[in-house]
C-alpha atoms as a PDB file:
ATOM      1  CA  MET A   1       8.171 -21.377  19.331  1.00  0.00           C
ATOM      2  CA  ALA A   2       4.854 -19.490  19.063  1.00  0.00           C
ATOM      3  CA  SER A   3       3.028 -19.493  15.819  1.00  0.00           C
ATOM      4  CA  TYR A   4       3.316 -16.478  13.578  1.00  0.00           C
ATOM      5  CA  GLN A   5      -0.267 -15.419  14.191  1.00  0.00           C
ATOM      6  CA  SER A   6       0.577 -14.452  17.742  1.00  0.00           C
ATOM      7  CA  LEU A   7       3.482 -12.273  16.717  1.00  0.00           C
ATOM      8  CA  GLY A   8       1.512  -9.219  15.650  1.00  0.00           C
ATOM      9  CA  PRO A   9       0.783  -7.862  12.149  1.00  0.00           C
ATOM     10  CA  ILE A  10       4.183  -6.428  11.235  1.00  0.00           C
ATOM     11  CA  LYS A  11       6.268  -9.210  12.772  1.00  0.00           C
ATOM     12  CA  GLU A  12       3.901 -11.750  11.178  1.00  0.00           C
ATOM     13  CA  HIS A  13       4.909 -10.459   7.823  1.00  0.00           C
ATOM     14  CA  ILE A  14       8.614 -10.591   8.706  1.00  0.00           C
ATOM     15  CA  TYR A  15       8.149 -14.166   9.941  1.00  0.00           C
ATOM     16  CA  LYS A  16       6.326 -15.189   6.751  1.00  0.00           C
ATOM     17  CA  GLU A  17       8.948 -13.532   4.565  1.00  0.00           C
ATOM     18  CA  LYS A  18      11.792 -15.394   6.280  1.00  0.00           C
ATOM     19  CA  HIS A  19      10.007 -18.701   6.299  1.00  0.00           C
ATOM     20  CA  THR A  20       8.009 -18.844   3.056  1.00  0.00           C
ATOM     21  CA  GLY A  21      10.492 -17.554   0.533  1.00  0.00           C
ATOM     22  CA  GLY A  22       9.422 -14.039  -0.322  1.00  0.00           C
ATOM     23  CA  VAL A  23       6.811 -11.341  -0.295  1.00  0.00           C
ATOM     24  CA  THR A  24       3.852 -11.252  -2.611  1.00  0.00           C
ATOM     25  CA  LEU A  25       1.300  -8.672  -3.452  1.00  0.00           C
ATOM     26  CA  LYS A  26      -1.076 -10.139  -0.843  1.00  0.00           C
ATOM     27  CA  ASP A  27       1.353  -9.380   1.957  1.00  0.00           C
ATOM     28  CA  VAL A  28       1.471  -5.588   1.683  1.00  0.00           C
ATOM     29  CA  GLU A  29      -1.119  -2.859   2.108  1.00  0.00           C
ATOM     30  CA  SER A  30      -3.014  -2.205  -1.112  1.00  0.00           C
ATOM     31  CA  HIS A  31      -2.820   1.609  -1.171  1.00  0.00           C
ATOM     32  CA  MET A  32       0.919   1.629  -0.579  1.00  0.00           C
ATOM     33  CA  TRP A  33       1.480  -1.001  -3.293  1.00  0.00           C
ATOM     34  CA  VAL A  34      -0.772   0.830  -5.821  1.00  0.00           C
ATOM     35  CA  LYS A  35       1.112   4.108  -5.287  1.00  0.00           C
ATOM     36  CA  GLU A  36       4.498   2.453  -5.766  1.00  0.00           C
ATOM     37  CA  PHE A  37       3.407   0.479  -8.817  1.00  0.00           C
ATOM     38  CA  ALA A  38       1.845   3.645 -10.371  1.00  0.00           C
ATOM     39  CA  ALA A  39       5.248   5.340  -9.882  1.00  0.00           C
ATOM     40  CA  PHE A  40       6.886   2.324 -11.525  1.00  0.00           C
ATOM     41  CA  LEU A  41       4.521   2.551 -14.499  1.00  0.00           C
ATOM     42  CA  LYS A  42       5.145   6.300 -14.887  1.00  0.00           C
ATOM     43  CA  LYS A  43       8.900   5.930 -14.621  1.00  0.00           C
ATOM     44  CA  SER A  44       8.968   3.063 -17.177  1.00  0.00           C
ATOM     45  CA  GLY A  45       7.274   5.209 -19.829  1.00  0.00           C
ATOM     46  CA  LYS A  46       5.870   2.142 -21.531  1.00  0.00           C
ATOM     47  CA  LEU A  47       2.208   2.712 -20.670  1.00  0.00           C
ATOM     48  CA  THR A  48       0.547   4.762 -23.363  1.00  0.00           C
ATOM     49  CA  ILE A  49      -1.800   7.377 -21.987  1.00  0.00           C
ATOM     50  CA  PRO A  50      -4.750   8.485 -24.099  1.00  0.00           C
ATOM     51  CA  LYS A  51      -5.069  12.140 -24.947  1.00  0.00           C
ATOM     52  CA  TRP A  52      -8.472  12.406 -23.240  1.00  0.00           C
ATOM     53  CA  THR A  53      -7.263  11.698 -19.689  1.00  0.00           C
ATOM     54  CA  ASP A  54      -7.312  15.306 -18.702  1.00  0.00           C
ATOM     55  CA  ILE A  55     -11.037  15.843 -19.425  1.00  0.00           C
ATOM     56  CA  VAL A  56     -12.640  12.472 -18.935  1.00  0.00           C
ATOM     57  CA  LYS A  57     -14.722  11.481 -15.885  1.00  0.00           C
ATOM     58  CA  THR A  58     -14.047   8.065 -14.457  1.00  0.00           C
ATOM     59  CA  ALA A  59     -17.775   7.263 -14.066  1.00  0.00           C
ATOM     60  CA  THR A  60     -21.127   8.763 -15.114  1.00  0.00           C
ATOM     61  CA  PHE A  61     -22.067   9.577 -11.511  1.00  0.00           C
ATOM     62  CA  LYS A  62     -18.959  11.761 -11.089  1.00  0.00           C
ATOM     63  CA  GLU A  63     -19.351  15.525 -11.505  1.00  0.00           C
ATOM     64  CA  LEU A  64     -15.695  16.329 -12.304  1.00  0.00           C
ATOM     65  CA  PRO A  65     -12.664  14.571 -13.699  1.00  0.00           C
ATOM     66  CA  PRO A  66      -9.923  13.422 -11.220  1.00  0.00           C
ATOM     67  CA  LYS A  67      -7.764  16.223  -9.801  1.00  0.00           C
ATOM     68  CA  ASP A  68      -4.549  14.145  -9.716  1.00  0.00           C
ATOM     69  CA  ASN A  69      -2.629  14.279 -12.996  1.00  0.00           C
ATOM     70  CA  ASP A  70      -1.327  10.756 -12.445  1.00  0.00           C
ATOM     71  CA  TRP A  71      -4.765   9.209 -12.006  1.00  0.00           C
ATOM     72  CA  TYR A  72      -4.438   7.020 -15.036  1.00  0.00           C
ATOM     73  CA  TYR A  73      -1.297   5.344 -13.706  1.00  0.00           C
ATOM     74  CA  ILE A  74      -3.003   4.818 -10.334  1.00  0.00           C
ATOM     75  CA  ARG A  75      -6.070   3.237 -12.002  1.00  0.00           C
ATOM     76  CA  SER A  76      -3.874   1.005 -14.197  1.00  0.00           C
ATOM     77  CA  ALA A  77      -1.956  -0.139 -11.110  1.00  0.00           C
ATOM     78  CA  ALA A  78      -5.159  -0.842  -9.236  1.00  0.00           C
ATOM     79  CA  LEU A  79      -6.515  -2.770 -12.211  1.00  0.00           C
ATOM     80  CA  LEU A  80      -3.376  -4.901 -12.340  1.00  0.00           C
ATOM     81  CA  ARG A  81      -3.756  -5.600  -8.624  1.00  0.00           C
ATOM     82  CA  ARG A  82      -7.380  -6.757  -9.166  1.00  0.00           C
ATOM     83  CA  VAL A  83      -6.321  -9.054 -12.060  1.00  0.00           C
ATOM     84  CA  TYR A  84      -3.490 -10.447  -9.847  1.00  0.00           C
ATOM     85  CA  LEU A  85      -5.937 -11.266  -7.074  1.00  0.00           C
ATOM     86  CA  ARG A  86      -8.684 -12.666  -9.250  1.00  0.00           C
ATOM     87  CA  GLN A  87      -7.751 -14.293 -12.582  1.00  0.00           C
ATOM     88  CA  GLY A  88     -10.346 -14.126 -15.336  1.00  0.00           C
ATOM     89  CA  VAL A  89     -11.879 -10.863 -14.237  1.00  0.00           C
ATOM     90  CA  GLY A  90     -13.423  -8.870 -17.090  1.00  0.00           C
ATOM     91  CA  THR A  91     -14.430  -5.305 -17.819  1.00  0.00           C
ATOM     92  CA  GLY A  92     -17.964  -5.806 -16.709  1.00  0.00           C
ATOM     93  CA  SER A  93     -17.028  -6.923 -13.181  1.00  0.00           C
ATOM     94  CA  LEU A  94     -14.312  -4.251 -12.893  1.00  0.00           C
ATOM     95  CA  ARG A  95     -16.995  -1.674 -13.795  1.00  0.00           C
ATOM     96  CA  LYS A  96     -18.997  -2.890 -10.789  1.00  0.00           C
ATOM     97  CA  ILE A  97     -15.932  -2.807  -8.506  1.00  0.00           C
ATOM     98  CA  TYR A  98     -14.932   0.748  -9.448  1.00  0.00           C
ATOM     99  CA  GLY A  99     -18.601   1.978  -9.545  1.00  0.00           C
ATOM    100  CA  GLY A 100     -20.313   3.948  -6.792  1.00  0.00           C
ATOM    101  CA  ARG A 101     -23.443   5.690  -5.668  1.00  0.00           C
ATOM    102  CA  ILE A 102     -25.151   8.286  -7.776  1.00  0.00           C
ATOM    103  CA  ASN A 103     -26.615  11.291  -5.971  1.00  0.00           C
ATOM    104  CA  ARG A 104     -30.244  11.559  -7.166  1.00  0.00           C
ATOM    105  CA  GLY A 105     -31.190  14.525  -5.003  1.00  0.00           C
ATOM    106  CA  SER A 106     -34.069  13.745  -2.646  1.00  0.00           C
ATOM    107  CA  ALA A 107     -34.548  10.310  -4.215  1.00  0.00           C
ATOM    108  CA  PRO A 108     -32.595   7.352  -2.819  1.00  0.00           C
ATOM    109  CA  SER A 109     -29.144   6.701  -4.141  1.00  0.00           C
ATOM    110  CA  HIS A 110     -28.412   3.862  -6.567  1.00  0.00           C
ATOM    111  CA  HIS A 111     -25.303   2.093  -7.696  1.00  0.00           C
ATOM    112  CA  LYS A 112     -23.820   3.093 -11.044  1.00  0.00           C
ATOM    113  CA  ASN A 113     -21.012   1.323 -12.817  1.00  0.00           C
ATOM    114  CA  ALA A 114     -17.699   3.016 -13.645  1.00  0.00           C
ATOM    115  CA  SER A 115     -16.654   3.952 -17.163  1.00  0.00           C
ATOM    116  CA  ALA A 116     -15.908   0.936 -19.331  1.00  0.00           C
ATOM    117  CA  SER A 117     -13.786   2.994 -21.718  1.00  0.00           C
ATOM    118  CA  VAL A 118     -11.294   3.939 -19.030  1.00  0.00           C
ATOM    119  CA  ILE A 119     -11.000   0.396 -17.767  1.00  0.00           C
ATOM    120  CA  ARG A 120     -10.759  -1.111 -21.261  1.00  0.00           C
ATOM    121  CA  HIS A 121      -8.009   1.357 -22.332  1.00  0.00           C
ATOM    122  CA  ALA A 122      -5.987   0.761 -19.118  1.00  0.00           C
ATOM    123  CA  LEU A 123      -6.283  -2.989 -19.587  1.00  0.00           C
ATOM    124  CA  LYS A 124      -5.116  -2.661 -23.183  1.00  0.00           C
ATOM    125  CA  GLY A 125      -2.147  -0.651 -22.103  1.00  0.00           C
ATOM    126  CA  LEU A 126      -1.227  -3.344 -19.520  1.00  0.00           C
ATOM    127  CA  VAL A 127      -1.590  -6.008 -22.239  1.00  0.00           C
ATOM    128  CA  GLU A 128       0.795  -4.048 -24.496  1.00  0.00           C
ATOM    129  CA  MET A 129       3.278  -3.998 -21.654  1.00  0.00           C
ATOM    130  CA  LYS A 130       2.787  -7.763 -21.391  1.00  0.00           C
ATOM    131  CA  LEU A 131       1.883  -7.550 -17.668  1.00  0.00           C
ATOM    132  CA  ILE A 132      -1.523  -9.146 -18.303  1.00  0.00           C
ATOM    133  CA  ALA A 133      -2.960 -11.296 -21.052  1.00  0.00           C
ATOM    134  CA  ASN A 134      -6.401 -12.498 -22.193  1.00  0.00           C
ATOM    135  CA  HIS A 135      -7.657 -15.426 -20.191  1.00  0.00           C
ATOM    136  CA  PRO A 136      -8.740 -18.488 -22.214  1.00  0.00           C
ATOM    137  CA  ASP A 137     -12.158 -18.483 -20.517  1.00  0.00           C
ATOM    138  CA  GLY A 138     -12.678 -14.726 -20.950  1.00  0.00           C
ATOM    139  CA  GLY A 139     -11.435 -11.746 -19.013  1.00  0.00           C
ATOM    140  CA  ARG A 140      -7.814 -11.143 -18.153  1.00  0.00           C
ATOM    141  CA  MET A 141      -5.004 -12.953 -16.294  1.00  0.00           C
ATOM    142  CA  ILE A 142      -1.664 -11.916 -15.037  1.00  0.00           C
ATOM    143  CA  THR A 143       1.453 -13.017 -16.924  1.00  0.00           C
ATOM    144  CA  SER A 144       4.636 -14.262 -15.307  1.00  0.00           C
ATOM    145  CA  ALA A 145       6.323 -10.924 -16.083  1.00  0.00           C
ATOM    146  CA  GLY A 146       3.425  -9.082 -14.467  1.00  0.00           C
ATOM    147  CA  ARG A 147       3.587 -11.302 -11.375  1.00  0.00           C
ATOM    148  CA  ARG A 148       7.329 -10.828 -11.150  1.00  0.00           C
ATOM    149  CA  ASP A 149       7.073  -7.062 -11.325  1.00  0.00           C
ATOM    150  CA  ALA A 150       4.153  -6.968  -8.870  1.00  0.00           C
ATOM    151  CA  ASP A 151       5.995  -9.104  -6.293  1.00  0.00           C
ATOM    152  CA  ARG A 152       9.197  -7.106  -6.746  1.00  0.00           C
ATOM    153  CA  ILE A 153       7.381  -3.842  -6.033  1.00  0.00           C
ATOM    154  CA  ALA A 154       5.631  -5.596  -3.041  1.00  0.00           C
ATOM    155  CA  SER A 155       8.997  -6.625  -1.585  1.00  0.00           C
ATOM    156  CA  GLN A 156      10.232  -3.007  -1.949  1.00  0.00           C
ATOM    157  CA  VAL A 157       7.056  -1.738  -0.192  1.00  0.00           C
ATOM    158  CA  MET A 158       7.522  -4.302   2.601  1.00  0.00           C
ATOM    159  CA  SER A 159      11.188  -3.417   3.166  1.00  0.00           C
ATOM    160  CA  ALA A 160      10.280   0.304   3.289  1.00  0.00           C
ATOM    161  CA  SER A 161       7.561  -0.369   5.807  1.00  0.00           C
ATOM    162  CA  GLN A 162       9.950  -2.509   7.872  1.00  0.00           C
ATOM    163  CA  VAL A 163      12.469   0.395   7.932  1.00  0.00           C
ATOM    164  CA  ALA A 164       9.686   2.738   9.023  1.00  0.00           C
ATOM    165  CA  VAL A 165       8.659   0.399  11.784  1.00  0.00           C
ATOM    166  CA  GLU A 166      12.194  -0.007  13.034  1.00  0.00           C
ATOM    167  CA  GLU A 167      12.646   3.823  13.078  1.00  0.00           C
ATOM    168  CA  ALA A 168       9.386   4.181  15.004  1.00  0.00           C
ATOM    169  CA  GLU A 169      10.523   1.603  17.561  1.00  0.00           C
ATOM    170  CA  GLU A 170      13.760   3.418  18.011  1.00  0.00           C
ATOM    171  CA  GLU A 171      11.974   6.715  18.566  1.00  0.00           C
ATOM    172  CA  VAL A 172       9.753   5.045  21.173  1.00  0.00           C
ATOM    173  CA  ALA A 173      12.790   3.575  22.893  1.00  0.00           C
ATOM    174  CA  ILE A 174      14.468   7.007  23.000  1.00  0.00           C
ATOM    175  CA  VAL A 175      11.326   8.649  24.403  1.00  0.00           C
ATOM    176  CA  ALA A 176      10.976   5.829  26.974  1.00  0.00           C
ATOM    177  CA  GLU A 177      14.544   6.382  28.187  1.00  0.00           C
ATOM    178  CA  GLU A 178      13.931  10.035  28.821  1.00  0.00           C
END
């Protein structure tokens, strides 16, 4: 039988899921997982949201606060994903990751870091939920409960994308018959 690399991106995931014992966070698209995990955090109601989330900017180079009311859940989910992928990551490196370019008018743009307060509060909330913990060498690491929840959401995202692919294949087959 051919190797799973030659099967294509979607079928490769299906093959890996059947033959390696499950889907992990690394197997699904990041933006889909972050949206689903943010919905999970919102539905659980365990993540405490600070009062200042409606007026705060996420970085000094931003002009306005985020328009989405659920931005704090999305940022928390994205932070959990980063901690999952790289154990021991701290606030300083996360500030660099979520930073961006500042518009300095006619002068060249420069990189500015994101707000440490937003990142720190989101990480504290995830620690209170026992999804992440402090790493012995500094930074944060994912707990077994956090890994379990992340992989469970990833498998839900994967199954939803498989259903969408199957429906698209059926539509293509119907159009091809006509």
